[in-house]
């Protein structure tokens, strides 16, 4: 085949460009946080819960830990600016300031669902200012995971376009695909911590 095609010219028979979008992830519930903390930080489920309890009870910088919901209720939405302001002395400050000045994602319907919240809403930061020097390295790592997810839920969709080209060369059919991001959206949150 290589010999047959060497130096041969081809003809593009079809080219399509499809815009696509990926919504931000949902906020954390305890189970989802334990899974991510295990795969990303190497924490056991118990370590995650114990650390989360300290962030809640001692430091008071996250909401109730034993939640089984990944959603928030509509009455939480007006508190989001205060929760963002509480992160002003953290590596998330620039992202929070940008959200406070230019606004958070317009459509929060993916995150806000009163019907899917039973006793407790998803894990969120509280409106208490955060003093990172008081956190152990384990507490800080878990806290950063939760804050990253919280900010992702408030960010725009990740958008991209996929271009597919079909070409014929000497009777052989070739297909090539190229995916190019058009807006990093929520995927930029983890990338720009501390910038």
Protein backbone atom coordinates (compact mmCIF):
# COMPACT_ATOMS: atom_id res chain seq x y z
CA UNK A 1 0.00 0.00 0.00
CA UNK A 2 2.85 2.38 0.87
CA UNK A 3 4.47 1.78 -2.54
CA UNK A 4 1.14 2.22 -4.31
CA UNK A 5 0.50 5.57 -2.61
CA UNK A 6 4.02 7.02 -2.62
CA UNK A 7 3.96 10.29 -4.53
CA UNK A 8 0.30 9.81 -5.48
CA UNK A 9 -2.09 12.70 -5.28
CA UNK A 10 -5.51 12.45 -3.77
CA UNK A 11 -8.82 14.18 -3.80
CA UNK A 12 -10.83 15.34 -0.81
CA UNK A 13 -14.26 13.78 -1.16
CA UNK A 14 -15.88 15.16 1.97
CA UNK A 15 -15.13 17.62 4.74
CA UNK A 16 -17.34 18.33 7.74
CA UNK A 17 -16.90 20.63 10.70
CA UNK A 18 -19.04 19.99 13.76
CA UNK A 19 -19.12 22.32 16.77
CA UNK A 20 -19.47 20.50 20.08
CA UNK A 21 -19.74 21.41 23.76
CA UNK A 22 -19.04 19.68 27.05
CA UNK A 23 -20.94 20.91 30.08
CA UNK A 24 -19.10 21.42 33.37
CA UNK A 25 -19.17 18.56 35.85
CA UNK A 26 -21.70 18.50 38.66
CA UNK A 27 -20.65 19.54 42.16
CA UNK A 28 -19.29 16.94 44.55
CA UNK A 29 -21.29 14.71 46.80
CA UNK A 30 -19.36 12.59 49.31
CA UNK A 31 -19.13 9.49 47.11
CA UNK A 32 -17.86 11.34 44.04
CA UNK A 33 -15.33 13.24 46.17
CA UNK A 34 -14.08 9.99 47.71
CA UNK A 35 -13.59 8.48 44.24
CA UNK A 36 -11.68 11.53 42.93
CA UNK A 37 -9.65 11.91 46.14
CA UNK A 38 -8.63 8.27 45.79
CA UNK A 39 -7.63 8.49 42.13
CA UNK A 40 -6.06 11.98 42.26
CA UNK A 41 -4.69 12.23 45.80
CA UNK A 42 -4.39 8.57 46.80
CA UNK A 43 -6.71 9.03 49.81
CA UNK A 44 -8.77 6.15 51.14
CA UNK A 45 -12.50 6.70 51.58
CA UNK A 46 -11.98 7.01 55.35
CA UNK A 47 -9.10 9.50 54.96
CA UNK A 48 -11.28 11.60 52.68
CA UNK A 49 -14.20 11.59 55.10
CA UNK A 50 -12.00 12.32 58.15
CA UNK A 51 -10.25 15.19 56.34
CA UNK A 52 -13.55 16.54 55.06
CA UNK A 53 -15.00 16.46 58.59
CA UNK A 54 -12.10 18.64 59.80
CA UNK A 55 -12.62 21.11 56.96
CA UNK A 56 -16.28 21.30 58.01
CA UNK A 57 -16.13 21.17 61.81
CA UNK A 58 -12.76 22.73 62.66
CA UNK A 59 -12.08 25.16 59.82
CA UNK A 60 -15.72 25.76 58.79
CA UNK A 61 -14.74 26.31 55.15
CA UNK A 62 -16.87 23.61 53.48
CA UNK A 63 -20.53 22.71 53.80
CA UNK A 64 -21.95 19.54 55.34
CA UNK A 65 -19.77 16.61 54.24
CA UNK A 66 -22.10 13.60 54.32
CA UNK A 67 -24.23 14.75 51.43
CA UNK A 68 -25.60 12.48 48.73
CA UNK A 69 -26.57 15.30 46.38
CA UNK A 70 -24.54 16.84 43.56
CA UNK A 71 -26.98 19.74 43.19
CA UNK A 72 -27.85 22.95 45.03
CA UNK A 73 -31.19 24.58 45.73
CA UNK A 74 -32.25 27.91 44.21
CA UNK A 75 -31.88 29.70 47.56
CA UNK A 76 -28.10 28.99 47.50
CA UNK A 77 -27.56 30.93 44.24
CA UNK A 78 -27.64 34.43 45.87
CA UNK A 79 -24.92 33.26 48.32
CA UNK A 80 -22.46 32.36 45.56
CA UNK A 81 -20.78 35.82 45.45
CA UNK A 82 -20.02 35.65 49.19
CA UNK A 83 -18.60 32.15 48.76
CA UNK A 84 -16.36 33.45 45.95
CA UNK A 85 -15.22 36.43 48.06
CA UNK A 86 -14.20 34.04 50.86
CA UNK A 87 -11.56 32.63 48.47
CA UNK A 88 -9.83 36.01 47.95
CA UNK A 89 -6.63 35.03 49.80
CA UNK A 90 -6.21 31.70 48.05
CA UNK A 91 -4.75 30.47 44.74
CA UNK A 92 -8.29 30.77 43.35
CA UNK A 93 -8.43 34.55 43.90
CA UNK A 94 -7.91 35.60 40.27
CA UNK A 95 -10.57 33.22 38.97
CA UNK A 96 -13.02 34.30 41.69
CA UNK A 97 -12.38 37.99 41.02
CA UNK A 98 -13.00 37.43 37.32
CA UNK A 99 -16.27 35.66 38.10
CA UNK A 100 -17.35 38.40 40.50
CA UNK A 101 -16.64 41.16 37.97
CA UNK A 102 -17.77 39.53 34.72
CA UNK A 103 -20.33 37.14 36.14
CA UNK A 104 -20.71 33.43 36.58
CA UNK A 105 -22.23 31.10 34.04
CA UNK A 106 -25.67 32.37 33.02
CA UNK A 107 -27.41 29.01 32.89
CA UNK A 108 -27.09 27.25 36.24
CA UNK A 109 -29.93 24.80 35.53
CA UNK A 110 -27.48 21.89 35.47
CA UNK A 111 -26.37 22.72 39.04
CA UNK A 112 -29.59 24.07 40.57
CA UNK A 113 -32.28 21.47 41.10
CA UNK A 114 -34.43 21.68 44.23
CA UNK A 115 -36.05 18.32 43.46
CA UNK A 116 -32.73 16.47 43.58
CA UNK A 117 -31.63 17.84 46.96
CA UNK A 118 -32.96 15.86 49.91
CA UNK A 119 -31.42 16.78 53.30
CA UNK A 120 -28.19 18.48 52.18
CA UNK A 121 -27.00 20.16 48.98
CA UNK A 122 -23.72 19.42 47.20
CA UNK A 123 -20.34 20.15 48.79
CA UNK A 124 -19.51 23.85 48.50
CA UNK A 125 -17.22 26.38 50.13
CA UNK A 126 -18.79 28.37 52.93
CA UNK A 127 -18.62 32.17 53.11
CA UNK A 128 -15.88 31.97 55.80
CA UNK A 129 -12.55 33.52 54.74
CA UNK A 130 -9.95 30.81 54.18
CA UNK A 131 -6.60 30.86 55.98
CA UNK A 132 -4.50 28.29 54.14
CA UNK A 133 -1.71 28.41 56.76
CA UNK A 134 -4.04 26.67 59.23
CA UNK A 135 -4.58 23.65 56.96
CA UNK A 136 -2.48 20.50 56.91
CA UNK A 137 -1.17 19.44 53.50
CA UNK A 138 -3.85 16.74 53.36
CA UNK A 139 -6.62 19.21 54.25
CA UNK A 140 -5.39 21.70 51.69
CA UNK A 141 -5.19 19.10 48.91
CA UNK A 142 -8.76 17.95 49.53
CA UNK A 143 -10.01 21.52 49.92
CA UNK A 144 -8.42 22.49 46.57
CA UNK A 145 -10.13 19.55 44.90
CA UNK A 146 -13.52 20.73 46.19
CA UNK A 147 -12.87 24.38 45.26
CA UNK A 148 -11.75 23.44 41.76
CA UNK A 149 -14.95 21.49 41.21
CA UNK A 150 -17.09 24.31 42.66
CA UNK A 151 -15.55 26.86 40.27
CA UNK A 152 -15.86 24.44 37.35
CA UNK A 153 -19.61 24.16 37.97
CA UNK A 154 -19.90 27.95 37.65
CA UNK A 155 -17.82 28.17 34.46
CA UNK A 156 -18.77 28.13 30.78
CA UNK A 157 -18.96 24.98 28.68
CA UNK A 158 -15.79 23.62 27.12
CA UNK A 159 -16.40 24.07 23.38
CA UNK A 160 -14.54 22.62 20.45
CA UNK A 161 -14.97 21.79 16.80
CA UNK A 162 -14.19 18.50 15.13
CA UNK A 163 -13.19 18.60 11.48
CA UNK A 164 -13.40 15.34 9.54
CA UNK A 165 -11.76 15.05 6.13
CA UNK A 166 -12.29 12.11 3.79
CA UNK A 167 -9.87 11.70 0.90
CA UNK A 168 -9.44 9.22 -1.92
CA UNK A 169 -5.95 8.32 -3.07
CA UNK A 170 -5.45 5.72 -5.79
CA UNK A 171 -8.76 4.06 -4.93
CA UNK A 172 -8.04 3.96 -1.20
CA UNK A 173 -10.23 5.88 1.25
CA UNK A 174 -8.64 7.83 4.13
CA UNK A 175 -10.33 9.62 7.01
CA UNK A 176 -8.62 12.17 9.25
CA UNK A 177 -10.10 13.97 12.25
CA UNK A 178 -8.87 17.06 14.01
CA UNK A 179 -10.37 18.46 17.20
CA UNK A 180 -9.63 22.08 18.08
CA UNK A 181 -10.82 23.79 21.28
CA UNK A 182 -12.72 27.04 20.72
CA UNK A 183 -13.27 27.92 24.41
CA UNK A 184 -11.54 26.08 27.28
CA UNK A 185 -14.39 27.09 29.62
CA UNK A 186 -14.50 24.99 32.79
CA UNK A 187 -11.38 23.06 31.81
CA UNK A 188 -9.30 26.19 32.48
CA UNK A 189 -10.13 26.28 36.21
CA UNK A 190 -7.57 23.70 37.34
CA UNK A 191 -5.05 25.06 34.85
CA UNK A 192 -5.06 28.64 36.08
CA UNK A 193 -4.90 28.19 39.88
CA UNK A 194 -2.59 30.81 41.30
CA UNK A 195 -2.18 32.82 38.08
